[in-house]
C-alpha cells in the first residue's frame, strides 16, 4: 500500500499542519482494515498530501465550507492545464512590474476575485481558482481573511519574487486528486462516506487561546465552543461506527492551566499534548512554540 513522494500543499494556509506532520504520521492506521481516508476540514491539505503521497487507498473524501477553497481543489483536479496557463500569465505580468505598479495590479485582482465570489457564474471556475492562488502567493502572510460581507480584504505582501505558478507541483497535486471526492459542505456531510474501514482526520477551526486571538476569519461563520462540543459528539458517532479518528486543536492550557475544556468534551479518548509552531499571527511576538492537542479514539 505504501507509495513514493510527490505533491505538497499549493496554498499557504493559517493553521496548516506541516509542522505537526511527524506527530500525526505516528498515528496513520492504514493497512488491511483501514483503506479509506476522510478529511472534512481540508484547509491547506498538508495531511491529505502526505497520506496520498504515501498510500494507495480505496477511497478518499475531503470537504470544506469555504467555496473558493473547494473550487480551487476541484479546478486543480479537473482543469490543471488551463489553470497553469492562467497562473503563468499572472506571474509574468506581476513580476514585470515595479512595486507601486504591483500594488495596483494586486488590488485589481482582489477586486475581480471578490466580484466572482459574490456572483459566481458557470465557466468562471478556473479564473476564480487562479485568482485565489495568485492572492495567496502575493498577499500579506498568505492569509485568507474576509470581512463581514464575505469580501477578501488582505493587503498585498512584500515579496520580491513570489512563485505564483508552480506548474510541477500543481500537476503532481492534480494527479493525486484524480480519485478524490471533493465536497463543498460542513463536516457532518462526511458521515455517509465514513465506515469502519476509514481513518478520519478532523482539523476544525482552532479554539482561540485568548479573547483577542481569533484575528482571522476564514469564512463569515464562527466555530464557537458550542460548535466544538457538537464536533466532539460527532466523533462519538464515528467511534460507534468503528472508524479511526484523530482530532487536532489548540491547547487552552497554553493560556490557562485550569482550562480543561477539551479534556472534558473528549474525556472518552486519548489526548496527547505536542509542541507546535504558530507562524501566522498578527503579532510577531506571539509566534513560536506552543502546545497543541492530538485527540484519538484508538
Protein backbone atom coordinates (compact mmCIF):
# COMPACT_ATOMS: atom_id res chain seq x y z
CA UNK A 1 0.00 0.00 0.00
CA UNK A 2 2.95 2.38 0.52
CA UNK A 3 3.94 4.75 -2.33
CA UNK A 4 6.52 7.42 -3.03
CA UNK A 5 6.68 11.21 -2.67
CA UNK A 6 5.10 13.86 -4.87
CA UNK A 7 2.78 16.73 -4.10
CA UNK A 8 2.87 19.37 -1.38
CA UNK A 9 0.26 21.97 -0.33
CA UNK A 10 -0.36 24.54 -3.07
CA UNK A 11 -1.54 27.26 -0.67
CA UNK A 12 -0.08 28.85 2.42
CA UNK A 13 -2.84 28.35 4.99
CA UNK A 14 -3.17 29.56 8.57
CA UNK A 15 -3.25 26.53 10.83
CA UNK A 16 -1.52 24.38 8.23
CA UNK A 17 -0.24 21.12 9.66
CA UNK A 18 3.20 20.96 8.07
CA UNK A 19 4.88 21.45 11.46
CA UNK A 20 2.78 18.70 13.07
CA UNK A 21 3.13 16.09 10.33
CA UNK A 22 5.74 13.99 12.11
CA UNK A 23 3.48 13.73 15.15
CA UNK A 24 0.39 12.95 13.06
CA UNK A 25 2.23 10.36 10.94
CA UNK A 26 2.74 8.27 14.09
CA UNK A 27 -0.98 7.54 14.12
CA UNK A 28 -1.63 6.63 10.49
CA UNK A 29 -3.57 3.35 10.84
CA UNK A 30 -3.66 2.34 7.17
CA UNK A 31 -3.46 -1.34 6.39
CA UNK A 32 -5.72 -4.26 5.55
CA UNK A 33 -8.53 -2.96 7.76
CA UNK A 34 -8.21 0.80 7.12
CA UNK A 35 -8.34 1.50 3.38
CA UNK A 36 -10.23 4.83 3.23
CA UNK A 37 -9.43 8.39 4.31
CA UNK A 38 -11.66 11.36 5.15
CA UNK A 39 -10.61 14.94 5.94
CA UNK A 40 -13.69 17.14 6.38
CA UNK A 41 -11.82 20.38 7.23
CA UNK A 42 -9.36 20.27 4.35
CA UNK A 43 -7.67 23.68 4.60
CA UNK A 44 -4.22 23.62 3.02
CA UNK A 45 -4.19 19.83 2.84
CA UNK A 46 -0.78 19.09 4.39
CA UNK A 47 -2.00 15.83 5.94
CA UNK A 48 -4.01 14.90 2.83
CA UNK A 49 -0.99 15.19 0.53
CA UNK A 50 1.23 13.35 2.96
CA UNK A 51 -1.29 10.49 3.04
CA UNK A 52 -1.78 10.46 -0.74
CA UNK A 53 1.98 10.53 -1.34
CA UNK A 54 2.44 7.51 0.92
CA UNK A 55 -0.57 5.26 0.36
CA UNK A 56 -2.78 3.89 -2.40
CA UNK A 57 -6.24 3.95 -0.85
CA UNK A 58 -9.59 2.55 -1.85
CA UNK A 59 -11.44 5.88 -1.45
CA UNK A 60 -10.68 9.41 -0.24
CA UNK A 61 -13.11 12.18 0.79
CA UNK A 62 -12.30 15.84 1.51
CA UNK A 63 -14.56 18.80 2.20
CA UNK A 64 -14.66 22.36 3.47
CA UNK A 65 -17.24 25.12 3.88
CA UNK A 66 -15.05 27.66 2.03
CA UNK A 67 -16.44 27.75 -1.56
CA UNK A 68 -13.27 29.28 -3.04
CA UNK A 69 -11.01 26.71 -1.41
CA UNK A 70 -13.18 23.81 -2.60
CA UNK A 71 -13.41 25.29 -6.10
CA UNK A 72 -9.62 25.54 -6.26
CA UNK A 73 -9.17 21.88 -5.31
CA UNK A 74 -11.71 20.86 -7.97
CA UNK A 75 -10.09 23.00 -10.67
CA UNK A 76 -6.64 21.57 -9.91
CA UNK A 77 -8.09 18.06 -10.15
CA UNK A 78 -10.12 18.63 -13.33
CA UNK A 79 -8.56 21.55 -15.29
CA UNK A 80 -4.97 21.89 -14.15
CA UNK A 81 -3.56 22.70 -17.62
CA UNK A 82 -5.82 25.72 -18.10
CA UNK A 83 -5.14 26.82 -14.53
CA UNK A 84 -1.36 26.67 -15.03
CA UNK A 85 -1.66 28.77 -18.21
CA UNK A 86 -3.65 31.40 -16.31
CA UNK A 87 -1.24 31.48 -13.38
CA UNK A 88 1.78 31.71 -15.71
CA UNK A 89 0.17 34.78 -17.28
CA UNK A 90 -0.40 36.37 -13.86
CA UNK A 91 3.17 35.60 -12.81
CA UNK A 92 4.72 37.09 -15.93
CA UNK A 93 2.64 40.25 -15.63
CA UNK A 94 3.13 40.74 -11.89
CA UNK A 95 6.88 40.09 -11.72
CA UNK A 96 7.46 42.51 -14.59
CA UNK A 97 6.06 45.43 -12.62
CA UNK A 98 7.63 47.95 -10.24
CA UNK A 99 6.44 47.88 -6.61
CA UNK A 100 3.89 50.69 -6.98
CA UNK A 101 2.50 49.08 -10.13
CA UNK A 102 2.33 45.70 -8.37
CA UNK A 103 0.07 47.18 -5.71
CA UNK A 104 -2.39 48.45 -8.31
CA UNK A 105 -2.29 45.07 -10.10
CA UNK A 106 -2.87 43.24 -6.80
CA UNK A 107 -5.83 45.43 -5.85
CA UNK A 108 -7.36 44.93 -9.29
CA UNK A 109 -7.07 41.14 -8.97
CA UNK A 110 -8.50 41.29 -5.44
CA UNK A 111 -11.48 43.26 -6.73
CA UNK A 112 -12.00 40.74 -9.56
CA UNK A 113 -11.85 37.89 -7.05
CA UNK A 114 -14.44 39.49 -4.79
CA UNK A 115 -16.77 40.14 -7.72
CA UNK A 116 -16.56 36.48 -8.75
CA UNK A 117 -17.04 35.39 -5.13
CA UNK A 118 -20.17 37.48 -4.80
CA UNK A 119 -21.75 36.25 -8.02
CA UNK A 120 -20.06 33.05 -9.19
CA UNK A 121 -21.02 32.05 -12.72
CA UNK A 122 -20.63 28.75 -14.54
CA UNK A 123 -17.49 28.77 -16.67
CA UNK A 124 -15.54 31.05 -14.30
CA UNK A 125 -14.20 28.33 -12.03
CA UNK A 126 -10.65 28.40 -13.43
CA UNK A 127 -10.44 32.20 -13.17
CA UNK A 128 -11.65 32.05 -9.55
CA UNK A 129 -9.09 29.38 -8.69
CA UNK A 130 -6.26 31.28 -10.40
CA UNK A 131 -7.16 34.46 -8.53
CA UNK A 132 -7.34 32.51 -5.26
CA UNK A 133 -3.81 31.14 -5.76
CA UNK A 134 -2.43 34.48 -7.03
CA UNK A 135 -3.75 36.34 -3.98
CA UNK A 136 -2.49 33.65 -1.61
CA UNK A 137 1.03 33.89 -3.06
CA UNK A 138 1.15 37.69 -3.07
CA UNK A 139 -0.95 38.83 -0.09
CA UNK A 140 0.34 39.62 3.39
CA UNK A 141 1.46 36.45 5.21
CA UNK A 142 -0.60 34.16 2.98
CA UNK A 143 -3.73 34.92 4.99
CA UNK A 144 -7.25 34.15 3.87
CA UNK A 145 -9.45 36.65 5.67
CA UNK A 146 -12.85 38.04 4.77
CA UNK A 147 -14.90 40.95 6.07
CA UNK A 148 -18.50 40.76 7.32
CA UNK A 149 -19.75 40.94 3.74
CA UNK A 150 -17.57 37.99 2.77
CA UNK A 151 -15.08 40.08 0.78
CA UNK A 152 -11.40 39.07 0.80
CA UNK A 153 -9.61 42.04 2.38
CA UNK A 154 -5.96 41.08 2.98
CA UNK A 155 -3.43 43.72 1.80
CA UNK A 156 -0.54 42.96 -0.55
CA UNK A 157 2.56 41.33 0.92
CA UNK A 158 6.12 42.46 0.26
CA UNK A 159 7.61 39.57 -1.71
CA UNK A 160 10.26 40.33 -4.34
CA UNK A 161 9.92 37.18 -6.41
CA UNK A 162 6.90 35.08 -5.34
CA UNK A 163 6.33 31.75 -7.08
CA UNK A 164 2.79 32.27 -8.33
CA UNK A 165 2.81 29.40 -10.82
CA UNK A 166 4.40 26.20 -9.50
CA UNK A 167 3.40 24.10 -12.51
CA UNK A 168 5.27 20.96 -11.40
CA UNK A 169 3.59 20.84 -8.01
CA UNK A 170 0.14 21.69 -9.38
CA UNK A 171 0.43 18.82 -11.84
CA UNK A 172 1.56 16.49 -9.05
CA UNK A 173 -1.39 17.61 -6.91
CA UNK A 174 -3.77 17.08 -9.83
CA UNK A 175 -2.54 13.54 -10.28
CA UNK A 176 -3.10 12.68 -6.63
CA UNK A 177 -6.59 14.24 -6.58
CA UNK A 178 -7.95 12.27 -9.54
CA UNK A 179 -9.91 9.78 -7.46
CA UNK A 180 -10.66 12.07 -4.51
CA UNK A 181 -14.24 13.08 -3.75
CA UNK A 182 -14.26 16.86 -3.14
CA UNK A 183 -17.33 18.27 -1.39
CA UNK A 184 -18.48 21.79 -0.51
CA UNK A 185 -20.19 21.40 2.84
CA UNK A 186 -19.73 21.07 6.58
CA UNK A 187 -18.12 18.13 8.31
CA UNK A 188 -21.41 16.33 9.04
CA UNK A 189 -21.80 15.52 5.34
CA UNK A 190 -18.82 13.16 5.59
CA UNK A 191 -20.83 10.75 7.73
CA UNK A 192 -22.22 8.89 4.71
CA UNK A 193 -18.67 8.16 3.49
CA UNK A 194 -17.18 7.08 6.81
CA UNK A 195 -17.33 3.46 7.96
CA UNK A 196 -15.21 1.04 9.97
CA UNK A 197 -12.57 0.99 7.21
CA UNK A 198 -11.98 4.77 7.40
CA UNK A 199 -9.30 6.92 9.03
CA UNK A 200 -10.78 10.35 9.74
CA UNK A 201 -8.60 13.41 10.44
CA UNK A 202 -10.51 16.38 11.84
CA UNK A 203 -8.74 19.75 11.93
CA UNK A 204 -11.50 22.24 12.81
CA UNK A 205 -11.02 25.99 13.30
CA UNK A 206 -8.99 26.15 16.48
CA UNK A 207 -10.46 27.42 19.71
CA UNK A 208 -8.84 30.84 20.37
CA UNK A 209 -6.32 30.78 23.20
CA UNK A 210 -7.38 34.28 24.28
CA UNK A 211 -10.35 36.54 23.61
CA UNK A 212 -8.27 38.53 21.09
CA UNK A 213 -6.51 35.61 19.39
CA UNK A 214 -9.15 34.96 16.75
CA UNK A 215 -7.72 37.59 14.41
CA UNK A 216 -8.51 35.78 11.19
CA UNK A 217 -11.91 34.83 9.81
CA UNK A 218 -11.76 32.25 7.04
CA UNK A 219 -15.49 32.36 6.43
CA UNK A 220 -18.24 34.59 7.76
CA UNK A 221 -19.24 31.79 10.17
CA UNK A 222 -17.70 31.24 13.60
CA UNK A 223 -16.75 27.97 15.27
CA UNK A 224 -17.54 28.64 18.92
CA UNK A 225 -17.50 26.38 21.98
CA UNK A 226 -20.95 25.02 21.15
CA UNK A 227 -19.63 24.03 17.71
CA UNK A 228 -16.57 22.36 19.30
CA UNK A 229 -18.89 20.36 21.58
CA UNK A 230 -21.08 19.37 18.61
CA UNK A 231 -17.94 18.14 16.80
CA UNK A 232 -16.97 16.05 19.83
CA UNK A 233 -20.39 14.40 19.78
CA UNK A 234 -19.95 13.78 16.03
CA UNK A 235 -16.70 11.99 16.90
CA UNK A 236 -18.69 9.83 19.33
CA UNK A 237 -20.88 8.76 16.41
CA UNK A 238 -17.87 7.94 14.24
CA UNK A 239 -16.36 5.95 17.11
CA UNK A 240 -19.52 3.86 17.31
CA UNK A 241 -19.21 3.19 13.57
CA UNK A 242 -15.77 1.75 14.14
CA UNK A 243 -13.84 4.50 12.33
CA UNK A 244 -10.35 5.52 13.46
CA UNK A 245 -10.49 9.24 14.33
CA UNK A 246 -7.76 11.81 15.02
CA UNK A 247 -8.64 15.40 16.02
CA UNK A 248 -6.25 18.34 16.37
CA UNK A 249 -6.90 21.58 18.24
CA UNK A 250 -5.26 24.29 20.31
CA UNK A 251 -4.44 23.53 23.94
CA UNK A 252 -6.27 26.07 26.13
CA UNK A 253 -3.76 25.34 28.88
CA UNK A 254 -1.22 27.43 26.97
CA UNK A 255 -3.17 30.42 28.32
CA UNK A 256 -4.87 28.96 31.41
CA UNK A 257 -3.63 25.86 33.22
CA UNK A 258 -7.11 25.40 34.68
CA UNK A 259 -8.91 25.31 31.33
CA UNK A 260 -9.91 21.67 30.81
CA UNK A 261 -12.42 22.29 28.00
CA UNK A 262 -11.09 19.65 25.59
CA UNK A 263 -10.12 17.24 28.36
CA UNK A 264 -13.78 17.25 29.36
CA UNK A 265 -15.52 17.02 25.98
CA UNK A 266 -13.09 14.32 24.74
CA UNK A 267 -12.68 12.52 28.08
CA UNK A 268 -13.50 9.15 26.49
CA UNK A 269 -10.44 9.37 24.23
CA UNK A 270 -6.66 9.61 24.38
CA UNK A 271 -5.37 13.20 24.47
CA UNK A 272 -1.72 13.96 23.72
CA UNK A 273 -0.11 17.39 24.06
CA UNK A 274 2.54 18.06 21.41
CA UNK A 275 4.80 21.01 20.63
CA UNK A 276 3.95 23.03 17.53
CA UNK A 277 4.97 26.32 15.93
CA UNK A 278 2.48 29.06 15.19
CA UNK A 279 3.99 31.08 12.37
CA UNK A 280 0.93 33.05 11.22
CA UNK A 281 -0.03 35.63 13.79
CA UNK A 282 -0.77 39.34 13.51
CA UNK A 283 1.61 39.89 16.43
CA UNK A 284 5.13 38.60 15.75
CA UNK A 285 5.86 38.32 19.49
CA UNK A 286 3.18 35.63 19.75
CA UNK A 287 4.74 33.35 17.15
CA UNK A 288 6.72 30.36 18.35
CA UNK A 289 6.39 27.06 20.19
CA UNK A 290 3.12 26.24 21.92
CA UNK A 291 1.30 23.03 22.84
CA UNK A 292 -1.39 21.63 20.61
CA UNK A 293 -3.71 18.69 21.16
CA UNK A 294 -3.95 15.42 19.27
CA UNK A 295 -7.06 13.52 20.31
CA UNK A 296 -7.65 9.96 19.14
CA UNK A 297 -10.07 7.09 19.66
CA UNK A 298 -7.53 4.32 19.04
